[in-house]
């Protein structure tokens, strides 16, 4: 396996930020440098097979070896930023798609939504890197892992490209077959070559990929099960309001304002249903609040709030949608303070309001929804979910957490 050159490291870093236009200067500088470096290393090995231990550095004259080590170190530091920011982006998008729990994410740029910092991923990367350094101890030992990671990534990217070409673009199967046969033949040859070094380090990226795939698919499956169960427990919000109006759901009115955070206005917040079913009370003013994050740095104040009376303008129950930009920290009390009393069926006393959160306690059930070990993994993964009260800026002394137990 050829060593990673400084030019290659810079090229990898540039490739991660592919959303930005790549200038011709970079293409005419970095790509030729990589090609010349690889050809030179290959020629050096052919001339003397003993140089296979470190062809990149042995290609440099003795007087330039130390400066080259310093340059390669600097290039590695630059390239590592691509790995770090890439891990942040993948984790953030996976959480949005439902493949990871909600993580605490800090946005560091007002012009680029993808420029973020994820503390949990940062610490995970640090522990992983230290583990690899102490386990492999040399870059030569990591070379086989690097080769499998690169060829595996290329193969997966090729497969995904042809999947998108067929599913999204409707490309004819005969054309996909020709292209896939040509490209996959080359890709699989590289993968097969690296598999011969499986026990020498090529197993590492395969293990990392398998673990990540298992965790993400387990969370996605478990989340679907919990969502289905939760929807059944919550029930229709429209029907619940009708039950309150008709007296079928007996609940004594108490003074004050209650704010229930919910995913939308189709179902009843679990905390609200529990308050009515078990405590037999409902507040004079009830706000069911849903939060949305838009792909802009900040949402103008005139677009911050939408109010829906849910069909009745005299029952004191409203639904509020609060929109925030990705650079903004959701501040629920401040957003609610912008509400016009004419739209909320009376003034809301937010300084004394109670904020209700629905907390779900997960436990393993007997239903064959997932394998027992996947159920344990799903429950363990749920513990890294960011604290909801802190995330939404709720005052601690006015926040009530009401739990519900769901089996997976």
Protein backbone atom coordinates (compact mmCIF):
# COMPACT_ATOMS: atom_id res chain seq x y z
CA UNK A 1 0.00 0.00 0.00
CA UNK A 2 1.43 3.34 -1.02
CA UNK A 3 1.83 5.98 1.63
CA UNK A 4 -0.61 8.89 1.85
CA UNK A 5 1.07 11.92 0.33
CA UNK A 6 0.66 15.52 1.35
CA UNK A 7 -0.98 16.29 -1.99
CA UNK A 8 -3.39 13.40 -1.54
CA UNK A 9 -4.32 14.61 1.92
CA UNK A 10 -5.08 18.06 0.56
CA UNK A 11 -7.05 16.52 -2.29
CA UNK A 12 -9.10 14.47 0.17
CA UNK A 13 -9.80 17.54 2.25
CA UNK A 14 -10.89 19.45 -0.83
CA UNK A 15 -13.09 16.57 -1.95
CA UNK A 16 -15.05 16.63 1.30
CA UNK A 17 -16.12 20.19 0.62
CA UNK A 18 -17.34 19.21 -2.83
CA UNK A 19 -20.35 21.46 -2.44
CA UNK A 20 -18.00 24.38 -3.06
CA UNK A 21 -16.76 24.99 -6.60
CA UNK A 22 -13.31 23.47 -7.08
CA UNK A 23 -11.08 25.87 -8.94
CA UNK A 24 -9.09 24.81 -12.00
CA UNK A 25 -5.91 25.75 -10.18
CA UNK A 26 -6.57 23.04 -7.60
CA UNK A 27 -7.44 20.46 -10.25
CA UNK A 28 -4.33 21.20 -12.27
CA UNK A 29 -2.10 21.19 -9.17
CA UNK A 30 -3.36 18.52 -6.76
CA UNK A 31 -4.43 15.78 -9.17
CA UNK A 32 -1.19 15.81 -11.23
CA UNK A 33 0.82 15.88 -7.98
CA UNK A 34 -0.96 12.74 -6.76
CA UNK A 35 -0.41 10.97 -10.08
CA UNK A 36 3.29 11.85 -10.22
CA UNK A 37 3.77 10.82 -6.60
CA UNK A 38 2.16 7.42 -7.15
CA UNK A 39 4.07 6.79 -10.37
CA UNK A 40 7.32 7.76 -8.69
CA UNK A 41 6.67 5.47 -5.73
CA UNK A 42 5.79 2.60 -8.08
CA UNK A 43 9.02 3.10 -10.04
CA UNK A 44 11.04 3.18 -6.80
CA UNK A 45 9.52 -0.13 -5.64
CA UNK A 46 10.11 -1.78 -9.03
CA UNK A 47 13.76 -0.72 -8.92
CA UNK A 48 14.22 -2.08 -5.39
CA UNK A 49 11.39 -4.04 -3.67
CA UNK A 50 12.94 -3.24 -0.29
CA UNK A 51 11.61 0.31 -0.65
CA UNK A 52 8.04 -0.96 -0.18
CA UNK A 53 8.33 -0.19 3.54
CA UNK A 54 8.05 3.58 3.00
CA UNK A 55 8.19 4.52 -0.71
CA UNK A 56 6.95 8.08 -0.33
CA UNK A 57 9.65 9.23 2.09
CA UNK A 58 12.38 7.12 0.47
CA UNK A 59 11.59 8.84 -2.81
CA UNK A 60 12.89 12.11 -1.33
CA UNK A 61 16.64 12.84 -1.13
CA UNK A 62 18.22 12.44 2.30
CA UNK A 63 18.50 16.20 2.84
CA UNK A 64 14.77 16.72 2.18
CA UNK A 65 13.39 13.85 4.24
CA UNK A 66 12.93 15.79 7.48
CA UNK A 67 11.20 18.76 5.76
CA UNK A 68 8.97 16.27 3.95
CA UNK A 69 8.00 14.64 7.25
CA UNK A 70 7.03 18.08 8.60
CA UNK A 71 5.07 18.89 5.42
CA UNK A 72 3.27 15.52 5.48
CA UNK A 73 2.40 16.06 9.15
CA UNK A 74 0.90 19.48 8.40
CA UNK A 75 -1.04 18.04 5.44
CA UNK A 76 -2.36 15.24 7.67
CA UNK A 77 -3.62 17.78 10.20
CA UNK A 78 -5.40 19.67 7.40
CA UNK A 79 -6.90 16.47 6.00
CA UNK A 80 -8.08 15.41 9.45
CA UNK A 81 -10.42 18.40 9.46
CA UNK A 82 -12.27 16.80 6.56
CA UNK A 83 -12.75 13.62 8.59
CA UNK A 84 -13.96 15.55 11.65
CA UNK A 85 -16.39 17.83 9.82
CA UNK A 86 -17.54 14.90 7.70
CA UNK A 87 -18.35 12.91 10.85
CA UNK A 88 -20.30 15.88 12.22
CA UNK A 89 -22.32 16.23 9.01
CA UNK A 90 -23.07 12.52 8.74
CA UNK A 91 -24.19 12.32 12.38
CA UNK A 92 -26.39 15.41 12.03
CA UNK A 93 -28.06 14.16 8.86
CA UNK A 94 -28.50 10.68 10.32
CA UNK A 95 -30.28 12.20 13.33
CA UNK A 96 -32.56 14.20 11.03
CA UNK A 97 -33.42 11.07 9.03
CA UNK A 98 -34.19 9.09 12.17
CA UNK A 99 -31.10 6.87 12.18
CA UNK A 100 -29.60 8.39 15.34
CA UNK A 101 -31.13 10.00 18.44
CA UNK A 102 -31.30 13.77 18.84
CA UNK A 103 -27.77 15.07 19.45
CA UNK A 104 -26.63 18.43 20.79
CA UNK A 105 -25.46 20.34 17.73
CA UNK A 106 -23.82 23.77 17.67
CA UNK A 107 -23.88 25.75 14.40
CA UNK A 108 -20.73 27.81 13.91
CA UNK A 109 -21.52 29.68 10.70
CA UNK A 110 -24.31 31.96 9.55
CA UNK A 111 -23.59 31.35 5.87
CA UNK A 112 -23.14 27.56 5.78
CA UNK A 113 -25.75 25.35 7.44
CA UNK A 114 -23.44 22.33 7.36
CA UNK A 115 -20.68 23.97 9.42
CA UNK A 116 -21.45 22.48 12.81
CA UNK A 117 -19.90 21.10 15.98
CA UNK A 118 -21.21 17.94 17.67
CA UNK A 119 -19.58 17.43 21.10
CA UNK A 120 -20.55 13.75 21.45
CA UNK A 121 -19.05 12.85 18.06
CA UNK A 122 -15.94 14.90 18.82
CA UNK A 123 -15.21 12.91 21.99
CA UNK A 124 -15.99 9.64 20.21
CA UNK A 125 -13.46 10.49 17.50
CA UNK A 126 -10.81 11.36 20.08
CA UNK A 127 -11.22 8.05 21.91
CA UNK A 128 -11.26 6.14 18.61
CA UNK A 129 -8.08 7.79 17.32
CA UNK A 130 -6.19 7.18 20.56
CA UNK A 131 -7.31 3.55 20.53
CA UNK A 132 -6.08 3.09 16.95
CA UNK A 133 -2.74 4.74 17.67
CA UNK A 134 -2.03 2.52 20.67
CA UNK A 135 -3.35 -0.62 18.95
CA UNK A 136 -1.57 -0.31 15.57
CA UNK A 137 1.44 1.78 16.72
CA UNK A 138 2.66 2.56 13.17
CA UNK A 139 1.36 4.00 9.93
CA UNK A 140 2.53 0.86 8.10
CA UNK A 141 0.17 -1.28 10.19
CA UNK A 142 -2.68 1.10 9.37
CA UNK A 143 -1.97 1.03 5.63
CA UNK A 144 -4.05 -2.10 5.06
CA UNK A 145 -6.97 -0.60 6.98
CA UNK A 146 -6.66 2.58 4.89
CA UNK A 147 -6.71 0.58 1.66
CA UNK A 148 -9.84 -1.34 2.62
CA UNK A 149 -11.56 1.87 3.75
CA UNK A 150 -10.84 3.60 0.42
CA UNK A 151 -11.81 0.70 -1.84
CA UNK A 152 -14.88 -0.06 0.27
CA UNK A 153 -16.00 3.56 0.06
CA UNK A 154 -15.52 3.62 -3.70
CA UNK A 155 -17.55 0.41 -4.10
CA UNK A 156 -20.41 1.64 -1.90
CA UNK A 157 -20.46 4.99 -3.72
CA UNK A 158 -20.69 3.19 -7.06
CA UNK A 159 -23.60 1.07 -5.85
CA UNK A 160 -25.45 4.11 -4.50
CA UNK A 161 -24.89 6.01 -7.73
CA UNK A 162 -26.51 3.29 -9.81
CA UNK A 163 -29.35 2.96 -7.29
CA UNK A 164 -30.08 6.70 -7.59
CA UNK A 165 -29.74 6.49 -11.38
CA UNK A 166 -32.40 3.79 -11.47
CA UNK A 167 -34.75 4.87 -8.65
CA UNK A 168 -34.63 8.66 -9.14
CA UNK A 169 -33.59 9.26 -12.73
CA UNK A 170 -35.26 6.24 -14.31
CA UNK A 171 -32.18 5.17 -16.24
CA UNK A 172 -32.83 2.03 -18.36
CA UNK A 173 -31.63 -1.22 -16.80
CA UNK A 174 -29.52 -2.16 -19.81
CA UNK A 175 -27.54 1.07 -19.50
CA UNK A 176 -27.14 0.60 -15.73
CA UNK A 177 -26.03 -2.99 -16.33
CA UNK A 178 -23.28 -1.94 -18.73
CA UNK A 179 -21.99 0.83 -16.47
CA UNK A 180 -22.25 -1.23 -13.28
CA UNK A 181 -20.45 -4.19 -14.85
CA UNK A 182 -17.56 -2.03 -16.02
CA UNK A 183 -17.09 -0.05 -12.81
CA UNK A 184 -17.94 -2.76 -10.27
CA UNK A 185 -15.51 -5.18 -11.91
CA UNK A 186 -12.66 -2.78 -11.19
CA UNK A 187 -13.93 -1.87 -7.72
CA UNK A 188 -14.40 -5.48 -6.64
CA UNK A 189 -10.93 -6.39 -7.86
CA UNK A 190 -9.48 -3.74 -5.52
CA UNK A 191 -11.68 -4.97 -2.65
CA UNK A 192 -10.60 -8.56 -3.25
CA UNK A 193 -6.95 -7.50 -3.26
CA UNK A 194 -7.37 -5.80 0.10
CA UNK A 195 -9.24 -8.77 1.57
CA UNK A 196 -6.00 -10.75 1.36
CA UNK A 197 -4.75 -8.45 4.14
CA UNK A 198 -7.86 -8.94 6.28
CA UNK A 199 -6.07 -10.26 9.38
CA UNK A 200 -3.33 -7.63 9.08
CA UNK A 201 -5.63 -4.63 9.59
CA UNK A 202 -8.16 -4.64 6.73
CA UNK A 203 -10.74 -5.92 9.23
CA UNK A 204 -10.84 -2.54 11.01
CA UNK A 205 -12.90 -0.43 8.55
CA UNK A 206 -15.20 -3.40 7.95
CA UNK A 207 -15.81 -3.67 11.69
CA UNK A 208 -16.40 0.08 12.05
CA UNK A 209 -18.84 0.05 9.13
CA UNK A 210 -20.68 -2.99 10.50
CA UNK A 211 -21.02 -1.45 13.97
CA UNK A 212 -22.25 1.90 12.59
CA UNK A 213 -24.70 0.16 10.24
CA UNK A 214 -26.03 -2.01 13.08
CA UNK A 215 -26.52 0.93 15.45
CA UNK A 216 -28.21 3.14 12.85
CA UNK A 217 -30.57 0.49 11.48
CA UNK A 218 -31.43 -0.66 15.01
CA UNK A 219 -32.27 2.90 16.06
CA UNK A 220 -34.34 3.45 12.89
CA UNK A 221 -36.28 0.22 13.47
CA UNK A 222 -36.75 0.87 17.19
CA UNK A 223 -37.85 4.43 16.54
CA UNK A 224 -40.47 3.21 14.07
CA UNK A 225 -41.80 0.76 16.67
CA UNK A 226 -41.91 3.44 19.38
CA UNK A 227 -43.58 5.95 17.05
CA UNK A 228 -46.27 3.44 16.15
CA UNK A 229 -46.89 2.59 19.80
CA UNK A 230 -46.80 6.23 20.83
CA UNK A 231 -49.28 7.24 18.13
CA UNK A 232 -51.64 4.54 19.39
CA UNK A 233 -51.27 5.75 22.98
CA UNK A 234 -51.73 9.41 22.06
CA UNK A 235 -54.78 9.10 19.81
CA UNK A 236 -56.33 11.77 17.61
CA UNK A 237 -56.13 15.33 18.93
CA UNK A 238 -59.40 16.31 17.20
CA UNK A 239 -61.27 13.42 18.84
CA UNK A 240 -59.73 14.23 22.22
CA UNK A 241 -60.92 17.84 22.04
CA UNK A 242 -64.40 16.63 21.12
CA UNK A 243 -64.37 14.37 24.18
CA UNK A 244 -63.42 17.33 26.39
CA UNK A 245 -66.19 19.50 24.95
CA UNK A 246 -68.84 16.80 25.25
CA UNK A 247 -67.83 15.92 28.82
CA UNK A 248 -66.96 12.36 27.92
CA UNK A 249 -63.45 13.04 29.18
CA UNK A 250 -64.09 14.45 32.66
CA UNK A 251 -61.58 17.14 33.59
CA UNK A 252 -61.89 19.99 36.06
CA UNK A 253 -60.70 23.39 34.83
CA UNK A 254 -57.87 24.87 36.89
CA UNK A 255 -56.44 28.37 36.49
CA UNK A 256 -53.15 28.92 34.73
CA UNK A 257 -51.42 28.16 31.46
CA UNK A 258 -50.07 24.79 30.40
CA UNK A 259 -47.67 24.38 27.47
CA UNK A 260 -47.36 20.89 26.00
CA UNK A 261 -44.56 20.21 23.53
CA UNK A 262 -45.64 17.86 20.76
CA UNK A 263 -44.53 16.62 17.34
CA UNK A 264 -47.53 18.12 15.51
CA UNK A 265 -51.24 18.70 15.80
CA UNK A 266 -52.49 15.31 14.67
CA UNK A 267 -52.05 13.49 18.00
CA UNK A 268 -52.53 14.33 21.67
CA UNK A 269 -49.39 15.03 23.72
CA UNK A 270 -48.84 12.09 26.07
CA UNK A 271 -48.44 14.45 29.03
CA UNK A 272 -51.77 16.15 28.27
CA UNK A 273 -53.63 12.86 27.99
CA UNK A 274 -52.07 11.61 31.22
CA UNK A 275 -53.02 14.86 32.98
CA UNK A 276 -56.66 14.45 31.94
CA UNK A 277 -56.96 10.68 32.36
CA UNK A 278 -55.17 10.38 35.70
CA UNK A 279 -55.33 13.82 37.35
CA UNK A 280 -58.72 14.72 35.80
CA UNK A 281 -57.68 18.33 35.33
CA UNK A 282 -56.97 20.65 32.45
CA UNK A 283 -55.67 24.19 32.59
CA UNK A 284 -57.64 27.25 31.65
CA UNK A 285 -55.26 27.95 28.77
CA UNK A 286 -53.64 25.03 26.95
CA UNK A 287 -50.93 25.58 24.34
CA UNK A 288 -49.83 22.61 22.24
CA UNK A 289 -46.49 23.66 20.80
CA UNK A 290 -44.60 22.22 17.84
CA UNK A 291 -41.12 23.39 16.85
CA UNK A 292 -39.74 23.47 13.31
CA UNK A 293 -36.17 24.15 12.17
CA UNK A 294 -35.89 25.82 8.77
CA UNK A 295 -32.82 25.74 6.46
CA UNK A 296 -32.01 29.42 7.06
CA UNK A 297 -29.73 30.98 9.71
CA UNK A 298 -32.53 32.95 11.38
CA UNK A 299 -36.27 33.18 10.92
CA UNK A 300 -37.77 36.72 10.78
CA UNK A 301 -39.94 37.60 13.75
CA UNK A 302 -43.01 38.05 11.54
CA UNK A 303 -42.73 34.38 10.45
CA UNK A 304 -41.87 32.98 13.86
CA UNK A 305 -45.34 31.97 15.05
CA UNK A 306 -48.46 30.37 13.57
CA UNK A 307 -51.58 29.80 15.66
CA UNK A 308 -54.42 27.34 15.07
CA UNK A 309 -57.54 27.32 17.27
CA UNK A 310 -58.12 23.65 16.42
CA UNK A 311 -61.69 24.29 15.35
CA UNK A 312 -63.00 26.15 18.41
CA UNK A 313 -62.30 29.71 19.48
CA UNK A 314 -63.74 29.46 23.00
CA UNK A 315 -62.25 26.33 24.59
CA UNK A 316 -58.85 27.77 25.55
CA UNK A 317 -56.94 25.09 23.60
CA UNK A 318 -54.72 26.23 20.75
CA UNK A 319 -51.90 24.82 18.67
CA UNK A 320 -48.80 26.94 18.07
CA UNK A 321 -46.08 26.29 15.50
CA UNK A 322 -42.79 28.04 16.30
CA UNK A 323 -40.14 28.26 13.59
CA UNK A 324 -36.41 28.69 14.21
CA UNK A 325 -33.37 28.95 11.97
CA UNK A 326 -30.53 26.49 12.26
CA UNK A 327 -28.30 29.11 13.90
CA UNK A 328 -30.89 29.88 16.58
CA UNK A 329 -31.26 28.17 19.91
CA UNK A 330 -34.95 27.37 20.41
CA UNK A 331 -36.25 29.64 23.16
CA UNK A 332 -39.81 28.53 23.84
CA UNK A 333 -40.78 31.15 26.48
CA UNK A 334 -39.53 34.00 24.31
CA UNK A 335 -41.36 32.67 21.25
CA UNK A 336 -44.61 32.34 23.19
CA UNK A 337 -44.26 35.88 24.54
CA UNK A 338 -44.78 37.12 20.97
CA UNK A 339 -48.32 35.73 20.86
CA UNK A 340 -51.18 38.20 20.55
CA UNK A 341 -53.82 37.63 23.30
CA UNK A 342 -56.50 38.00 20.62
CA UNK A 343 -55.14 34.87 18.94
CA UNK A 344 -54.71 32.80 22.09
CA UNK A 345 -58.29 33.01 23.38
CA UNK A 346 -57.10 35.11 26.29
CA UNK A 347 -53.87 36.34 27.83
CA UNK A 348 -51.24 33.73 28.62
CA UNK A 349 -49.48 34.17 31.97
CA UNK A 350 -46.14 32.79 30.86
CA UNK A 351 -44.27 33.87 33.98
CA UNK A 352 -46.29 31.27 35.89
CA UNK A 353 -46.93 28.81 33.05
CA UNK A 354 -46.19 25.10 33.40
CA UNK A 355 -44.24 23.41 30.61
CA UNK A 356 -45.03 19.73 30.17
CA UNK A 357 -42.67 17.27 28.51
CA UNK A 358 -43.60 13.71 27.59
CA UNK A 359 -40.82 11.34 28.66
CA UNK A 360 -40.91 7.81 27.32
CA UNK A 361 -39.41 5.00 29.36
CA UNK A 362 -38.34 2.18 27.09
CA UNK A 363 -38.30 -1.42 28.18
CA UNK A 364 -37.88 -4.75 26.46
CA UNK A 365 -41.12 -6.48 25.67
CA UNK A 366 -41.99 -10.02 24.65
CA UNK A 367 -43.33 -9.06 21.22
CA UNK A 368 -41.04 -10.30 18.41
CA UNK A 369 -40.43 -6.81 17.02
CA UNK A 370 -36.64 -7.10 17.13
CA UNK A 371 -34.03 -9.56 18.32
CA UNK A 372 -33.39 -9.28 22.10
CA UNK A 373 -29.85 -7.98 21.60
CA UNK A 374 -31.14 -5.27 19.23
CA UNK A 375 -33.72 -4.22 21.80
CA UNK A 376 -30.96 -3.80 24.38
CA UNK A 377 -28.87 -1.85 21.88
CA UNK A 378 -31.79 0.46 21.03
CA UNK A 379 -32.50 1.20 24.68
CA UNK A 380 -28.79 1.83 25.38
CA UNK A 381 -28.56 4.21 22.39
CA UNK A 382 -31.53 6.21 23.66
CA UNK A 383 -29.48 7.39 26.66
CA UNK A 384 -27.33 9.70 24.52
CA UNK A 385 -30.37 11.76 23.48
CA UNK A 386 -29.89 15.46 24.29
CA UNK A 387 -31.87 16.83 27.24
CA UNK A 388 -35.15 18.25 25.91
CA UNK A 389 -35.63 20.93 28.56
CA UNK A 390 -32.16 22.35 27.96
CA UNK A 391 -32.49 22.05 24.18
CA UNK A 392 -35.75 24.03 24.09
CA UNK A 393 -34.74 26.63 26.69
CA UNK A 394 -37.44 25.70 29.20
CA UNK A 395 -37.22 27.11 32.75
CA UNK A 396 -36.33 24.21 35.03
CA UNK A 397 -38.51 25.30 37.94
CA UNK A 398 -41.58 25.45 35.67
CA UNK A 399 -41.01 22.24 33.73
CA UNK A 400 -42.99 19.11 34.50
CA UNK A 401 -41.88 15.79 33.02
CA UNK A 402 -44.56 13.13 32.76
CA UNK A 403 -43.46 9.66 31.79
CA UNK A 404 -45.03 6.87 29.83
CA UNK A 405 -43.76 3.31 29.42
CA UNK A 406 -43.49 1.76 25.97
CA UNK A 407 -42.33 -1.76 25.21
CA UNK A 408 -40.14 -2.49 22.20
